[in-house]
Amino acid sequence: MHVQEWLDTVPAALVYAVVGLVIGLESLGIPLPGEIVLVSAALMSSQHGGINPVILGGCASLGAVVGDSIGYAIGRKGGRPLLAWLGKKFPRHFSEGHVATAERSFTKWGMWAVFFGRFVALLRIFAGPLAGVLRMPYWKFLIANVLGGVIWAGGTTAVIYYLGVVAESWLKQFSYLGLVAAVVIGLASMLIVKRKAKKSAAEREAAEPESVPAPTAD
């Protein structure tokens, strides 16, 4: 069933809970369509008064911050073996190339990698656990986590809600367009990360010294 159609059949309190839970689990490190659920719920809030966009944005922000923090704690405790285990369970998301790309971003950008990672579908899954694995100081992680989570979740809710209010007649069909746009953005970000991962893998292979043949006796 269409995501928005399903959300429209449940009470408002359950919509808030579902949005917060899905985004929280995605931020924790479980590949789930958090952005699609948020876009659908925000669009629904613009079409009738049953869903309060402020409460919705608050629940989404809370789910993002709490989920990332739990992911950080799990990553800090699990360390590298956790990434290896995730690579086996979710090879499309936690492959060695993806992990290497994300790790370089964290090493280079630190807090900013956590902040901007919130706006990239694949990096949203990495941010919490990888920050913990790399032992980023929690206060730095928390600041970037809160700012990124609130701006991403609250901003997405506000933009979709006000678009729905301003163009209500046109947006009767926007639920499908919004979901398609979210999927396209998510796929595009995944392809960019995959391309960078392949490029980094090729660079590592090129940087490895070639084996020198043993000298032969005359």
C-alpha atoms as a PDB file:
ATOM      1  CA  MET A   1       0.000   0.000   0.000  1.00  0.00           C
ATOM      2  CA  HIS A   2       1.111   3.564  -0.704  1.00  0.00           C
ATOM      3  CA  VAL A   3       2.920   5.033   2.312  1.00  0.00           C
ATOM      4  CA  GLN A   4       0.693   8.097   2.598  1.00  0.00           C
ATOM      5  CA  GLU A   5      -2.486   6.049   2.122  1.00  0.00           C
ATOM      6  CA  TRP A   6      -1.433   3.823   5.018  1.00  0.00           C
ATOM      7  CA  LEU A   7      -0.555   6.786   7.233  1.00  0.00           C
ATOM      8  CA  ASP A   8      -3.957   8.288   6.454  1.00  0.00           C
ATOM      9  CA  THR A   9      -5.687   5.244   7.973  1.00  0.00           C
ATOM     10  CA  VAL A  10      -4.047   5.464  11.415  1.00  0.00           C
ATOM     11  CA  PRO A  11      -4.529   7.969  14.293  1.00  0.00           C
ATOM     12  CA  ALA A  12      -2.385  11.099  14.403  1.00  0.00           C
ATOM     13  CA  ALA A  13      -0.509   9.902  17.500  1.00  0.00           C
ATOM     14  CA  LEU A  14       0.502   6.735  15.666  1.00  0.00           C
ATOM     15  CA  VAL A  15       1.686   8.774  12.656  1.00  0.00           C
ATOM     16  CA  TYR A  16       3.998  10.778  14.935  1.00  0.00           C
ATOM     17  CA  ALA A  17       5.257   7.566  16.523  1.00  0.00           C
ATOM     18  CA  VAL A  18       5.830   5.811  13.180  1.00  0.00           C
ATOM     19  CA  VAL A  19       7.747   8.776  11.749  1.00  0.00           C
ATOM     20  CA  GLY A  20       9.926   9.113  14.852  1.00  0.00           C
ATOM     21  CA  LEU A  21      10.549   5.360  15.043  1.00  0.00           C
ATOM     22  CA  VAL A  22      11.425   4.854  11.367  1.00  0.00           C
ATOM     23  CA  ILE A  23      13.769   7.854  11.311  1.00  0.00           C
ATOM     24  CA  GLY A  24      15.292   6.753  14.623  1.00  0.00           C
ATOM     25  CA  LEU A  25      15.971   3.231  13.379  1.00  0.00           C
ATOM     26  CA  GLU A  26      17.433   4.568  10.130  1.00  0.00           C
ATOM     27  CA  SER A  27      19.704   6.924  12.091  1.00  0.00           C
ATOM     28  CA  LEU A  28      20.708   4.034  14.350  1.00  0.00           C
ATOM     29  CA  GLY A  29      22.114   2.200  11.339  1.00  0.00           C
ATOM     30  CA  ILE A  30      19.210   0.156   9.959  1.00  0.00           C
ATOM     31  CA  PRO A  31      18.466   0.847   6.254  1.00  0.00           C
ATOM     32  CA  LEU A  32      14.864   2.158   6.283  1.00  0.00           C
ATOM     33  CA  PRO A  33      13.064   4.775   4.105  1.00  0.00           C
ATOM     34  CA  GLY A  34      12.994   7.509   6.747  1.00  0.00           C
ATOM     35  CA  GLU A  35      12.946  10.359   4.244  1.00  0.00           C
ATOM     36  CA  ILE A  36      10.047   8.853   2.297  1.00  0.00           C
ATOM     37  CA  VAL A  37       7.976   8.384   5.455  1.00  0.00           C
ATOM     38  CA  LEU A  38       8.712  11.942   6.603  1.00  0.00           C
ATOM     39  CA  VAL A  39       7.831  13.462   3.216  1.00  0.00           C
ATOM     40  CA  SER A  40       4.562  11.502   3.101  1.00  0.00           C
ATOM     41  CA  ALA A  41       3.555  12.488   6.643  1.00  0.00           C
ATOM     42  CA  ALA A  42       4.475  16.163   6.087  1.00  0.00           C
ATOM     43  CA  LEU A  43       2.431  16.226   2.896  1.00  0.00           C
ATOM     44  CA  MET A  44      -0.497  14.662   4.718  1.00  0.00           C
ATOM     45  CA  SER A  45      -0.285  17.305   7.454  1.00  0.00           C
ATOM     46  CA  SER A  46      -0.757  20.012   4.797  1.00  0.00           C
ATOM     47  CA  GLN A  47      -3.926  18.402   3.459  1.00  0.00           C
ATOM     48  CA  HIS A  48      -5.951  18.203   6.668  1.00  0.00           C
ATOM     49  CA  GLY A  49      -5.739  19.457  10.239  1.00  0.00           C
ATOM     50  CA  GLY A  50      -5.408  16.057  11.888  1.00  0.00           C
ATOM     51  CA  ILE A  51      -1.601  16.079  11.761  1.00  0.00           C
ATOM     52  CA  ASN A  52       0.185  19.001  13.429  1.00  0.00           C
ATOM     53  CA  PRO A  53       3.339  19.838  11.410  1.00  0.00           C
ATOM     54  CA  VAL A  54       5.107  21.271  14.479  1.00  0.00           C
ATOM     55  CA  ILE A  55       4.579  18.057  16.471  1.00  0.00           C
ATOM     56  CA  LEU A  56       5.504  16.022  13.397  1.00  0.00           C
ATOM     57  CA  GLY A  57       8.754  17.935  12.895  1.00  0.00           C
ATOM     58  CA  GLY A  58       9.522  17.617  16.600  1.00  0.00           C
ATOM     59  CA  CYS A  59       8.997  13.845  16.593  1.00  0.00           C
ATOM     60  CA  ALA A  60      11.103  13.471  13.443  1.00  0.00           C
ATOM     61  CA  SER A  61      13.899  15.576  14.973  1.00  0.00           C
ATOM     62  CA  LEU A  62      13.754  13.613  18.227  1.00  0.00           C
ATOM     63  CA  GLY A  63      13.904  10.310  16.351  1.00  0.00           C
ATOM     64  CA  ALA A  64      16.900  11.513  14.334  1.00  0.00           C
ATOM     65  CA  VAL A  65      18.865  12.744  17.375  1.00  0.00           C
ATOM     66  CA  VAL A  66      18.075   9.783  19.640  1.00  0.00           C
ATOM     67  CA  GLY A  67      18.663   7.240  16.873  1.00  0.00           C
ATOM     68  CA  ASP A  68      22.029   8.737  15.984  1.00  0.00           C
ATOM     69  CA  SER A  69      23.056   8.809  19.655  1.00  0.00           C
ATOM     70  CA  ILE A  70      22.160   5.144  20.119  1.00  0.00           C
ATOM     71  CA  GLY A  71      24.055   4.332  16.924  1.00  0.00           C
ATOM     72  CA  TYR A  72      27.061   6.226  18.308  1.00  0.00           C
ATOM     73  CA  ALA A  73      26.950   4.218  21.547  1.00  0.00           C
ATOM     74  CA  ILE A  74      26.666   0.932  19.647  1.00  0.00           C
ATOM     75  CA  GLY A  75      29.534   1.871  17.323  1.00  0.00           C
ATOM     76  CA  ARG A  76      31.753   2.925  20.228  1.00  0.00           C
ATOM     77  CA  LYS A  77      31.121  -0.380  21.998  1.00  0.00           C
ATOM     78  CA  GLY A  78      31.224  -2.625  18.923  1.00  0.00           C
ATOM     79  CA  GLY A  79      34.207  -1.043  17.164  1.00  0.00           C
ATOM     80  CA  ARG A  80      35.545  -2.413  13.887  1.00  0.00           C
ATOM     81  CA  PRO A  81      34.005  -5.881  14.346  1.00  0.00           C
ATOM     82  CA  LEU A  82      30.595  -4.198  14.245  1.00  0.00           C
ATOM     83  CA  LEU A  83      31.306  -2.714  10.814  1.00  0.00           C
ATOM     84  CA  ALA A  84      32.476  -6.102   9.570  1.00  0.00           C
ATOM     85  CA  TRP A  85      29.266  -7.707  10.879  1.00  0.00           C
ATOM     86  CA  LEU A  86      27.112  -4.989   9.269  1.00  0.00           C
ATOM     87  CA  GLY A  87      29.000  -5.521   6.011  1.00  0.00           C
ATOM     88  CA  LYS A  88      27.909  -9.154   6.018  1.00  0.00           C
ATOM     89  CA  LYS A  89      24.293  -8.370   6.936  1.00  0.00           C
ATOM     90  CA  PHE A  90      23.865  -5.315   4.686  1.00  0.00           C
ATOM     91  CA  PRO A  91      26.539  -5.606   1.956  1.00  0.00           C
ATOM     92  CA  ARG A  92      24.845  -3.016  -0.266  1.00  0.00           C
ATOM     93  CA  HIS A  93      25.035  -0.364   2.434  1.00  0.00           C
ATOM     94  CA  PHE A  94      28.049  -1.324   4.556  1.00  0.00           C
ATOM     95  CA  SER A  95      30.479  -2.609   1.931  1.00  0.00           C
ATOM     96  CA  GLU A  96      34.198  -1.998   2.479  1.00  0.00           C
ATOM     97  CA  GLY A  97      34.195   0.710  -0.184  1.00  0.00           C
ATOM     98  CA  HIS A  98      31.288   2.583   1.393  1.00  0.00           C
ATOM     99  CA  VAL A  99      32.829   2.338   4.846  1.00  0.00           C
ATOM    100  CA  ALA A 100      36.181   3.580   3.521  1.00  0.00           C
ATOM    101  CA  THR A 101      34.544   6.565   1.806  1.00  0.00           C
ATOM    102  CA  ALA A 102      32.558   7.491   4.913  1.00  0.00           C
ATOM    103  CA  GLU A 103      35.613   7.033   7.141  1.00  0.00           C
ATOM    104  CA  ARG A 104      37.692   9.403   5.001  1.00  0.00           C
ATOM    105  CA  SER A 105      34.912  11.973   5.205  1.00  0.00           C
ATOM    106  CA  PHE A 106      34.826  11.681   9.000  1.00  0.00           C
ATOM    107  CA  THR A 107      38.597  11.886   9.284  1.00  0.00           C
ATOM    108  CA  LYS A 108      38.753  14.973   7.079  1.00  0.00           C
ATOM    109  CA  TRP A 109      35.642  16.866   8.163  1.00  0.00           C
ATOM    110  CA  GLY A 110      34.913  15.620  11.691  1.00  0.00           C
ATOM    111  CA  MET A 111      31.755  17.246  13.082  1.00  0.00           C
ATOM    112  CA  TRP A 112      30.762  18.558   9.668  1.00  0.00           C
ATOM    113  CA  ALA A 113      30.629  15.004   8.322  1.00  0.00           C
ATOM    114  CA  VAL A 114      28.007  14.191  10.962  1.00  0.00           C
ATOM    115  CA  PHE A 115      26.061  17.377  10.206  1.00  0.00           C
ATOM    116  CA  PHE A 116      26.043  17.129   6.409  1.00  0.00           C
ATOM    117  CA  GLY A 117      25.721  13.339   6.536  1.00  0.00           C
ATOM    118  CA  ARG A 118      22.164  13.869   7.757  1.00  0.00           C
ATOM    119  CA  PHE A 119      21.232  15.215   4.308  1.00  0.00           C
ATOM    120  CA  VAL A 120      22.642  12.247   2.341  1.00  0.00           C
ATOM    121  CA  ALA A 121      20.549   9.070   2.377  1.00  0.00           C
ATOM    122  CA  LEU A 122      23.388   6.572   2.736  1.00  0.00           C
ATOM    123  CA  LEU A 123      25.524   8.642   5.104  1.00  0.00           C
ATOM    124  CA  ARG A 124      22.519   9.051   7.410  1.00  0.00           C
ATOM    125  CA  ILE A 125      22.860   5.348   8.201  1.00  0.00           C
ATOM    126  CA  PHE A 126      26.632   5.592   8.757  1.00  0.00           C
ATOM    127  CA  ALA A 127      26.892   8.745  10.856  1.00  0.00           C
ATOM    128  CA  GLY A 128      26.104   7.457  14.341  1.00  0.00           C
ATOM    129  CA  PRO A 129      27.826   4.050  14.333  1.00  0.00           C
ATOM    130  CA  LEU A 130      30.901   5.263  12.438  1.00  0.00           C
ATOM    131  CA  ALA A 131      31.379   8.277  14.708  1.00  0.00           C
ATOM    132  CA  GLY A 132      31.365   5.877  17.649  1.00  0.00           C
ATOM    133  CA  VAL A 133      33.787   3.460  15.998  1.00  0.00           C
ATOM    134  CA  LEU A 134      36.183   6.331  15.258  1.00  0.00           C
ATOM    135  CA  ARG A 135      35.902   7.541  18.881  1.00  0.00           C
ATOM    136  CA  MET A 136      34.758  11.043  17.996  1.00  0.00           C
ATOM    137  CA  PRO A 137      34.313  13.019  21.255  1.00  0.00           C
ATOM    138  CA  TYR A 138      30.653  12.713  22.189  1.00  0.00           C
ATOM    139  CA  TRP A 139      30.139  16.441  22.808  1.00  0.00           C
ATOM    140  CA  LYS A 140      31.261  17.188  19.253  1.00  0.00           C
ATOM    141  CA  PHE A 141      29.078  14.427  17.885  1.00  0.00           C
ATOM    142  CA  LEU A 142      26.078  15.604  19.917  1.00  0.00           C
ATOM    143  CA  ILE A 143      26.305  19.202  18.682  1.00  0.00           C
ATOM    144  CA  ALA A 144      26.524  18.129  15.036  1.00  0.00           C
ATOM    145  CA  ASN A 145      23.872  15.466  15.587  1.00  0.00           C
ATOM    146  CA  VAL A 146      21.331  17.851  17.134  1.00  0.00           C
ATOM    147  CA  LEU A 147      21.910  20.626  14.585  1.00  0.00           C
ATOM    148  CA  GLY A 148      21.795  18.244  11.614  1.00  0.00           C
ATOM    149  CA  GLY A 149      18.785  16.300  12.897  1.00  0.00           C
ATOM    150  CA  VAL A 150      16.691  19.385  13.702  1.00  0.00           C
ATOM    151  CA  ILE A 151      17.528  21.244  10.490  1.00  0.00           C
ATOM    152  CA  TRP A 152      16.994  18.168   8.281  1.00  0.00           C
ATOM    153  CA  ALA A 153      13.823  16.854   9.924  1.00  0.00           C
ATOM    154  CA  GLY A 154      12.299  20.230  10.769  1.00  0.00           C
ATOM    155  CA  GLY A 155      13.311  21.770   7.458  1.00  0.00           C
ATOM    156  CA  THR A 156      11.930  18.891   5.395  1.00  0.00           C
ATOM    157  CA  THR A 157       8.649  18.991   7.319  1.00  0.00           C
ATOM    158  CA  ALA A 158       8.312  22.754   6.950  1.00  0.00           C
ATOM    159  CA  VAL A 159       9.136  22.845   3.229  1.00  0.00           C
ATOM    160  CA  ILE A 160       6.757  20.017   2.284  1.00  0.00           C
ATOM    161  CA  TYR A 161       4.010  21.370   4.558  1.00  0.00           C
ATOM    162  CA  TYR A 162       4.105  24.926   3.164  1.00  0.00           C
ATOM    163  CA  LEU A 163       4.315  23.673  -0.406  1.00  0.00           C
ATOM    164  CA  GLY A 164       1.192  21.672   0.310  1.00  0.00           C
ATOM    165  CA  VAL A 165      -0.636  24.665   1.771  1.00  0.00           C
ATOM    166  CA  VAL A 166       0.348  27.076  -1.023  1.00  0.00           C
ATOM    167  CA  ALA A 167      -0.425  24.673  -3.866  1.00  0.00           C
ATOM    168  CA  GLU A 168      -3.125  22.473  -2.326  1.00  0.00           C
ATOM    169  CA  SER A 169      -5.094  21.965  -5.549  1.00  0.00           C
ATOM    170  CA  TRP A 170      -2.006  20.966  -7.545  1.00  0.00           C
ATOM    171  CA  LEU A 171      -0.648  18.845  -4.718  1.00  0.00           C
ATOM    172  CA  LYS A 172      -3.572  16.442  -4.794  1.00  0.00           C
ATOM    173  CA  GLN A 173      -1.240  14.355  -6.932  1.00  0.00           C
ATOM    174  CA  PHE A 174       1.939  15.506  -5.235  1.00  0.00           C
ATOM    175  CA  SER A 175       2.085  12.523  -2.882  1.00  0.00           C
ATOM    176  CA  TYR A 176       3.318  10.421  -5.772  1.00  0.00           C
ATOM    177  CA  LEU A 177       5.588  13.166  -7.095  1.00  0.00           C
ATOM    178  CA  GLY A 178       7.006  13.831  -3.630  1.00  0.00           C
ATOM    179  CA  LEU A 179       7.772  10.173  -3.106  1.00  0.00           C
ATOM    180  CA  VAL A 180       9.323   9.874  -6.555  1.00  0.00           C
ATOM    181  CA  ALA A 181      11.457  12.946  -5.854  1.00  0.00           C
ATOM    182  CA  ALA A 182      12.565  11.541  -2.494  1.00  0.00           C
ATOM    183  CA  VAL A 183      13.429   8.197  -4.073  1.00  0.00           C
ATOM    184  CA  VAL A 184      15.337   9.872  -6.910  1.00  0.00           C
ATOM    185  CA  ILE A 185      17.303  12.023  -4.453  1.00  0.00           C
ATOM    186  CA  GLY A 186      18.068   8.983  -2.312  1.00  0.00           C
ATOM    187  CA  LEU A 187      19.186   6.899  -5.297  1.00  0.00           C
ATOM    188  CA  ALA A 188      21.288   9.747  -6.673  1.00  0.00           C
ATOM    189  CA  SER A 189      23.088  10.185  -3.350  1.00  0.00           C
ATOM    190  CA  MET A 190      23.682   6.428  -3.128  1.00  0.00           C
ATOM    191  CA  LEU A 191      25.124   6.373  -6.654  1.00  0.00           C
ATOM    192  CA  ILE A 192      27.444   9.275  -5.817  1.00  0.00           C
ATOM    193  CA  VAL A 193      28.702   7.491  -2.712  1.00  0.00           C
ATOM    194  CA  LYS A 194      29.113   4.215  -4.627  1.00  0.00           C
ATOM    195  CA  ARG A 195      31.070   6.007  -7.350  1.00  0.00           C
ATOM    196  CA  LYS A 196      33.353   7.580  -4.760  1.00  0.00           C
ATOM    197  CA  ALA A 197      33.769   4.198  -3.074  1.00  0.00           C
ATOM    198  CA  LYS A 198      34.819   2.552  -6.347  1.00  0.00           C
ATOM    199  CA  LYS A 199      37.179   5.419  -7.093  1.00  0.00           C
ATOM    200  CA  SER A 200      38.771   5.158  -3.643  1.00  0.00           C
ATOM    201  CA  ALA A 201      39.164   1.403  -4.049  1.00  0.00           C
ATOM    202  CA  ALA A 202      40.870   1.900  -7.416  1.00  0.00           C
ATOM    203  CA  GLU A 203      43.173   4.533  -5.917  1.00  0.00           C
ATOM    204  CA  ARG A 204      44.125   2.193  -3.079  1.00  0.00           C
ATOM    205  CA  GLU A 205      44.903  -0.606  -5.526  1.00  0.00           C
ATOM    206  CA  ALA A 206      47.008   1.751  -7.659  1.00  0.00           C
ATOM    207  CA  ALA A 207      48.884   2.950  -4.584  1.00  0.00           C
ATOM    208  CA  GLU A 208      49.802  -0.554  -3.480  1.00  0.00           C
ATOM    209  CA  PRO A 209      53.418  -1.364  -4.451  1.00  0.00           C
ATOM    210  CA  GLU A 210      53.731  -3.950  -7.156  1.00  0.00           C
ATOM    211  CA  SER A 211      55.529  -7.136  -6.247  1.00  0.00           C
ATOM    212  CA  VAL A 212      59.141  -7.166  -7.443  1.00  0.00           C
ATOM    213  CA  PRO A 213      60.263 -10.475  -9.029  1.00  0.00           C
ATOM    214  CA  ALA A 214      63.129 -12.249  -7.334  1.00  0.00           C
ATOM    215  CA  PRO A 215      66.471 -11.936  -9.190  1.00  0.00           C
ATOM    216  CA  THR A 216      67.467 -15.000 -11.210  1.00  0.00           C
ATOM    217  CA  ALA A 217      70.899 -16.593 -11.001  1.00  0.00           C
ATOM    218  CA  ASP A 218      73.094 -16.184 -14.088  1.00  0.00           C
END
